[in-house]
């Protein structure tokens, strides 16, 4: 009876294992290169910026930052956006305290605080607290925060997110 050296028995298994490790390492390296080269996605979900969103600091409030722009529903379904769902996210995934409104400026509500019923959608839209967007519709968005509270990168709206302009 002929004996087979142990190295010949384990060599095919070792080669498959090594090949699998090399392949996994190559795929991981390719993914890292893609993320480094292109960074996080400009957006996820159906909303996109329509035109240029602008970021600035007001001259009389140098510690505050403001982003204003127009959102467009590029999806195929209507969207209801609620300010309660808007979060401003920094590079580490943390939330930066901010004020948001679906307007180019703030306004007063005509709906009294002490009323038992919920304001009508038309009042919530007029005051920028909700936005109802059919496919292709646009709505302004203004977001403001204190620079000392963080350096946000994205606006998250619950169904997706957008990169904030710098």
C-alpha atoms as a PDB file:
ATOM      1  CA  UNK A   1       0.000   0.000   0.000  1.00  0.00           C
ATOM      2  CA  UNK A   2       1.292   3.420  -0.986  1.00  0.00           C
ATOM      3  CA  UNK A   3       1.203   6.238   1.540  1.00  0.00           C
ATOM      4  CA  UNK A   4       0.406   9.813   0.489  1.00  0.00           C
ATOM      5  CA  UNK A   5       2.385  12.539   2.210  1.00  0.00           C
ATOM      6  CA  UNK A   6       0.267  14.706   4.533  1.00  0.00           C
ATOM      7  CA  UNK A   7       1.255  17.865   2.626  1.00  0.00           C
ATOM      8  CA  UNK A   8      -0.407  16.548  -0.556  1.00  0.00           C
ATOM      9  CA  UNK A   9      -3.669  15.794   1.298  1.00  0.00           C
ATOM     10  CA  UNK A  10      -4.005  19.275   2.857  1.00  0.00           C
ATOM     11  CA  UNK A  11      -2.602  21.323  -0.026  1.00  0.00           C
ATOM     12  CA  UNK A  12      -5.877  21.537  -2.045  1.00  0.00           C
ATOM     13  CA  UNK A  13      -7.847  22.597   1.073  1.00  0.00           C
ATOM     14  CA  UNK A  14      -5.200  25.121   2.015  1.00  0.00           C
ATOM     15  CA  UNK A  15      -5.214  26.521  -1.517  1.00  0.00           C
ATOM     16  CA  UNK A  16      -9.016  26.911  -1.517  1.00  0.00           C
ATOM     17  CA  UNK A  17      -8.924  28.569   1.893  1.00  0.00           C
ATOM     18  CA  UNK A  18      -6.138  30.901   0.804  1.00  0.00           C
ATOM     19  CA  UNK A  19      -7.938  31.735  -2.432  1.00  0.00           C
ATOM     20  CA  UNK A  20     -11.132  32.539  -0.504  1.00  0.00           C
ATOM     21  CA  UNK A  21      -9.210  34.834   1.848  1.00  0.00           C
ATOM     22  CA  UNK A  22      -7.498  36.602  -1.050  1.00  0.00           C
ATOM     23  CA  UNK A  23     -10.840  37.065  -2.830  1.00  0.00           C
ATOM     24  CA  UNK A  24     -12.558  38.378   0.325  1.00  0.00           C
ATOM     25  CA  UNK A  25      -9.664  40.742   0.977  1.00  0.00           C
ATOM     26  CA  UNK A  26      -9.772  42.001  -2.612  1.00  0.00           C
ATOM     27  CA  UNK A  27     -13.521  42.676  -2.449  1.00  0.00           C
ATOM     28  CA  UNK A  28     -13.125  44.499   0.867  1.00  0.00           C
ATOM     29  CA  UNK A  29     -10.249  46.588  -0.502  1.00  0.00           C
ATOM     30  CA  UNK A  30     -12.309  47.503  -3.587  1.00  0.00           C
ATOM     31  CA  UNK A  31     -15.241  48.624  -1.398  1.00  0.00           C
ATOM     32  CA  UNK A  32     -12.935  50.740   0.773  1.00  0.00           C
ATOM     33  CA  UNK A  33     -11.459  52.378  -2.336  1.00  0.00           C
ATOM     34  CA  UNK A  34     -14.930  53.167  -3.693  1.00  0.00           C
ATOM     35  CA  UNK A  35     -16.063  54.776  -0.419  1.00  0.00           C
ATOM     36  CA  UNK A  36     -12.824  56.752  -0.113  1.00  0.00           C
ATOM     37  CA  UNK A  37     -12.903  57.864  -3.744  1.00  0.00           C
ATOM     38  CA  UNK A  38     -16.570  58.788  -3.947  1.00  0.00           C
ATOM     39  CA  UNK A  39     -17.569  59.324  -0.309  1.00  0.00           C
ATOM     40  CA  UNK A  40     -21.080  58.669   0.997  1.00  0.00           C
ATOM     41  CA  UNK A  41     -23.940  58.918  -1.463  1.00  0.00           C
ATOM     42  CA  UNK A  42     -25.141  62.419  -2.261  1.00  0.00           C
ATOM     43  CA  UNK A  43     -28.619  61.175  -1.486  1.00  0.00           C
ATOM     44  CA  UNK A  44     -30.700  58.152  -0.610  1.00  0.00           C
ATOM     45  CA  UNK A  45     -34.437  57.997  -1.176  1.00  0.00           C
ATOM     46  CA  UNK A  46     -36.777  59.916  -3.480  1.00  0.00           C
ATOM     47  CA  UNK A  47     -35.883  63.515  -2.567  1.00  0.00           C
ATOM     48  CA  UNK A  48     -33.170  65.524  -4.270  1.00  0.00           C
ATOM     49  CA  UNK A  49     -32.051  69.145  -4.336  1.00  0.00           C
ATOM     50  CA  UNK A  50     -33.579  71.119  -7.200  1.00  0.00           C
ATOM     51  CA  UNK A  51     -30.971  73.649  -8.248  1.00  0.00           C
ATOM     52  CA  UNK A  52     -28.338  74.824  -5.821  1.00  0.00           C
ATOM     53  CA  UNK A  53     -28.872  74.676  -2.086  1.00  0.00           C
ATOM     54  CA  UNK A  54     -26.951  77.435  -0.333  1.00  0.00           C
ATOM     55  CA  UNK A  55     -25.146  77.346   3.007  1.00  0.00           C
ATOM     56  CA  UNK A  56     -24.205  80.564   4.745  1.00  0.00           C
ATOM     57  CA  UNK A  57     -23.655  82.376   8.030  1.00  0.00           C
ATOM     58  CA  UNK A  58     -25.714  85.516   8.546  1.00  0.00           C
ATOM     59  CA  UNK A  59     -23.480  88.594   9.077  1.00  0.00           C
ATOM     60  CA  UNK A  60     -25.239  89.567  12.319  1.00  0.00           C
ATOM     61  CA  UNK A  61     -25.267  85.986  13.651  1.00  0.00           C
ATOM     62  CA  UNK A  62     -21.755  84.645  12.906  1.00  0.00           C
ATOM     63  CA  UNK A  63     -22.202  81.611  15.187  1.00  0.00           C
ATOM     64  CA  UNK A  64     -25.262  80.399  13.291  1.00  0.00           C
ATOM     65  CA  UNK A  65     -25.397  78.444  10.045  1.00  0.00           C
ATOM     66  CA  UNK A  66     -28.266  78.328   7.566  1.00  0.00           C
ATOM     67  CA  UNK A  67     -28.931  76.081   4.573  1.00  0.00           C
ATOM     68  CA  UNK A  68     -31.743  76.927   2.203  1.00  0.00           C
ATOM     69  CA  UNK A  69     -32.749  75.204  -0.991  1.00  0.00           C
ATOM     70  CA  UNK A  70     -35.558  73.499  -2.843  1.00  0.00           C
ATOM     71  CA  UNK A  71     -36.392  69.802  -2.525  1.00  0.00           C
ATOM     72  CA  UNK A  72     -37.909  67.848  -5.405  1.00  0.00           C
ATOM     73  CA  UNK A  73     -39.766  64.535  -5.222  1.00  0.00           C
ATOM     74  CA  UNK A  74     -38.014  62.433  -7.870  1.00  0.00           C
ATOM     75  CA  UNK A  75     -39.896  59.316  -6.791  1.00  0.00           C
ATOM     76  CA  UNK A  76     -42.976  57.744  -8.331  1.00  0.00           C
ATOM     77  CA  UNK A  77     -45.209  58.065  -5.237  1.00  0.00           C
ATOM     78  CA  UNK A  78     -46.574  61.070  -3.326  1.00  0.00           C
ATOM     79  CA  UNK A  79     -44.699  62.028  -0.141  1.00  0.00           C
ATOM     80  CA  UNK A  80     -45.821  63.617   3.082  1.00  0.00           C
ATOM     81  CA  UNK A  81     -42.896  65.211   4.886  1.00  0.00           C
ATOM     82  CA  UNK A  82     -43.265  66.224   8.519  1.00  0.00           C
ATOM     83  CA  UNK A  83     -40.838  68.449  10.426  1.00  0.00           C
ATOM     84  CA  UNK A  84     -40.897  65.903  13.259  1.00  0.00           C
ATOM     85  CA  UNK A  85     -39.100  63.471  10.904  1.00  0.00           C
ATOM     86  CA  UNK A  86     -36.325  65.891   9.894  1.00  0.00           C
ATOM     87  CA  UNK A  87     -32.970  65.257  11.593  1.00  0.00           C
ATOM     88  CA  UNK A  88     -29.657  66.943  10.853  1.00  0.00           C
ATOM     89  CA  UNK A  89     -26.833  64.384  11.014  1.00  0.00           C
ATOM     90  CA  UNK A  90     -23.099  64.924  11.552  1.00  0.00           C
ATOM     91  CA  UNK A  91     -20.269  62.804  10.135  1.00  0.00           C
ATOM     92  CA  UNK A  92     -20.395  60.394  13.093  1.00  0.00           C
ATOM     93  CA  UNK A  93     -24.129  59.749  12.695  1.00  0.00           C
ATOM     94  CA  UNK A  94     -25.099  61.951  15.656  1.00  0.00           C
ATOM     95  CA  UNK A  95     -27.962  64.439  15.573  1.00  0.00           C
ATOM     96  CA  UNK A  96     -27.153  68.159  15.529  1.00  0.00           C
ATOM     97  CA  UNK A  97     -29.853  70.309  17.201  1.00  0.00           C
ATOM     98  CA  UNK A  98     -31.440  72.399  14.432  1.00  0.00           C
ATOM     99  CA  UNK A  99     -34.587  74.238  13.393  1.00  0.00           C
ATOM    100  CA  UNK A 100     -36.186  73.318  10.069  1.00  0.00           C
ATOM    101  CA  UNK A 101     -39.102  74.653   8.070  1.00  0.00           C
ATOM    102  CA  UNK A 102     -40.545  73.935   4.615  1.00  0.00           C
ATOM    103  CA  UNK A 103     -40.398  77.645   3.745  1.00  0.00           C
ATOM    104  CA  UNK A 104     -37.781  80.205   2.739  1.00  0.00           C
ATOM    105  CA  UNK A 105     -38.659  82.161   5.907  1.00  0.00           C
ATOM    106  CA  UNK A 106     -40.516  81.512   9.147  1.00  0.00           C
ATOM    107  CA  UNK A 107     -44.098  82.588   9.770  1.00  0.00           C
ATOM    108  CA  UNK A 108     -46.754  82.662  12.451  1.00  0.00           C
ATOM    109  CA  UNK A 109     -49.493  80.090  12.759  1.00  0.00           C
ATOM    110  CA  UNK A 110     -53.095  81.248  12.835  1.00  0.00           C
ATOM    111  CA  UNK A 111     -54.041  78.103  14.751  1.00  0.00           C
ATOM    112  CA  UNK A 112     -54.227  78.724  18.504  1.00  0.00           C
ATOM    113  CA  UNK A 113     -52.140  76.583  20.852  1.00  0.00           C
ATOM    114  CA  UNK A 114     -55.077  75.903  23.174  1.00  0.00           C
ATOM    115  CA  UNK A 115     -57.392  74.403  20.569  1.00  0.00           C
ATOM    116  CA  UNK A 116     -58.274  70.773  21.132  1.00  0.00           C
ATOM    117  CA  UNK A 117     -58.322  69.764  17.470  1.00  0.00           C
ATOM    118  CA  UNK A 118     -55.310  69.284  15.225  1.00  0.00           C
ATOM    119  CA  UNK A 119     -54.657  72.043  12.675  1.00  0.00           C
ATOM    120  CA  UNK A 120     -55.764  71.281   9.134  1.00  0.00           C
ATOM    121  CA  UNK A 121     -53.123  70.128   6.639  1.00  0.00           C
ATOM    122  CA  UNK A 122     -53.589  73.423   4.775  1.00  0.00           C
ATOM    123  CA  UNK A 123     -52.514  75.330   7.927  1.00  0.00           C
ATOM    124  CA  UNK A 124     -49.583  72.969   8.512  1.00  0.00           C
ATOM    125  CA  UNK A 125     -48.462  73.457   4.891  1.00  0.00           C
ATOM    126  CA  UNK A 126     -48.889  77.241   5.019  1.00  0.00           C
ATOM    127  CA  UNK A 127     -46.679  77.470   8.094  1.00  0.00           C
ATOM    128  CA  UNK A 128     -44.082  75.045   6.688  1.00  0.00           C
ATOM    129  CA  UNK A 129     -44.600  72.264   9.227  1.00  0.00           C
ATOM    130  CA  UNK A 130     -45.512  69.650   6.601  1.00  0.00           C
ATOM    131  CA  UNK A 131     -45.006  69.289   2.868  1.00  0.00           C
ATOM    132  CA  UNK A 132     -47.207  67.240   0.548  1.00  0.00           C
ATOM    133  CA  UNK A 133     -45.327  66.389  -2.639  1.00  0.00           C
ATOM    134  CA  UNK A 134     -46.657  64.595  -5.683  1.00  0.00           C
ATOM    135  CA  UNK A 135     -43.995  63.114  -7.988  1.00  0.00           C
ATOM    136  CA  UNK A 136     -42.092  66.030  -9.548  1.00  0.00           C
ATOM    137  CA  UNK A 137     -43.342  68.599  -6.983  1.00  0.00           C
ATOM    138  CA  UNK A 138     -40.926  70.911  -5.184  1.00  0.00           C
ATOM    139  CA  UNK A 139     -40.886  72.574  -1.770  1.00  0.00           C
ATOM    140  CA  UNK A 140     -38.400  74.944  -0.111  1.00  0.00           C
ATOM    141  CA  UNK A 141     -36.443  73.764   2.933  1.00  0.00           C
ATOM    142  CA  UNK A 142     -34.572  76.009   5.351  1.00  0.00           C
ATOM    143  CA  UNK A 143     -32.440  74.527   8.145  1.00  0.00           C
ATOM    144  CA  UNK A 144     -30.585  76.523  10.820  1.00  0.00           C
ATOM    145  CA  UNK A 145     -28.227  75.461  13.620  1.00  0.00           C
ATOM    146  CA  UNK A 146     -25.567  76.855  15.942  1.00  0.00           C
ATOM    147  CA  UNK A 147     -22.028  76.103  14.720  1.00  0.00           C
ATOM    148  CA  UNK A 148     -20.975  75.261  18.297  1.00  0.00           C
ATOM    149  CA  UNK A 149     -23.499  72.373  18.303  1.00  0.00           C
ATOM    150  CA  UNK A 150     -21.857  70.462  15.485  1.00  0.00           C
ATOM    151  CA  UNK A 151     -20.896  70.240  11.849  1.00  0.00           C
ATOM    152  CA  UNK A 152     -23.784  68.515  10.053  1.00  0.00           C
ATOM    153  CA  UNK A 153     -23.307  66.675   6.777  1.00  0.00           C
ATOM    154  CA  UNK A 154     -26.776  65.336   5.965  1.00  0.00           C
ATOM    155  CA  UNK A 155     -30.459  66.060   6.373  1.00  0.00           C
ATOM    156  CA  UNK A 156     -32.377  62.862   7.140  1.00  0.00           C
ATOM    157  CA  UNK A 157     -36.130  62.891   6.447  1.00  0.00           C
ATOM    158  CA  UNK A 158     -37.020  59.367   7.555  1.00  0.00           C
ATOM    159  CA  UNK A 159     -37.293  57.770   4.094  1.00  0.00           C
ATOM    160  CA  UNK A 160     -33.850  58.878   2.957  1.00  0.00           C
ATOM    161  CA  UNK A 161     -31.242  61.586   3.330  1.00  0.00           C
ATOM    162  CA  UNK A 162     -29.442  64.313   1.397  1.00  0.00           C
ATOM    163  CA  UNK A 163     -25.962  65.713   1.693  1.00  0.00           C
ATOM    164  CA  UNK A 164     -25.985  69.301   2.976  1.00  0.00           C
ATOM    165  CA  UNK A 165     -23.998  71.839   0.966  1.00  0.00           C
ATOM    166  CA  UNK A 166     -20.875  73.175   2.654  1.00  0.00           C
END
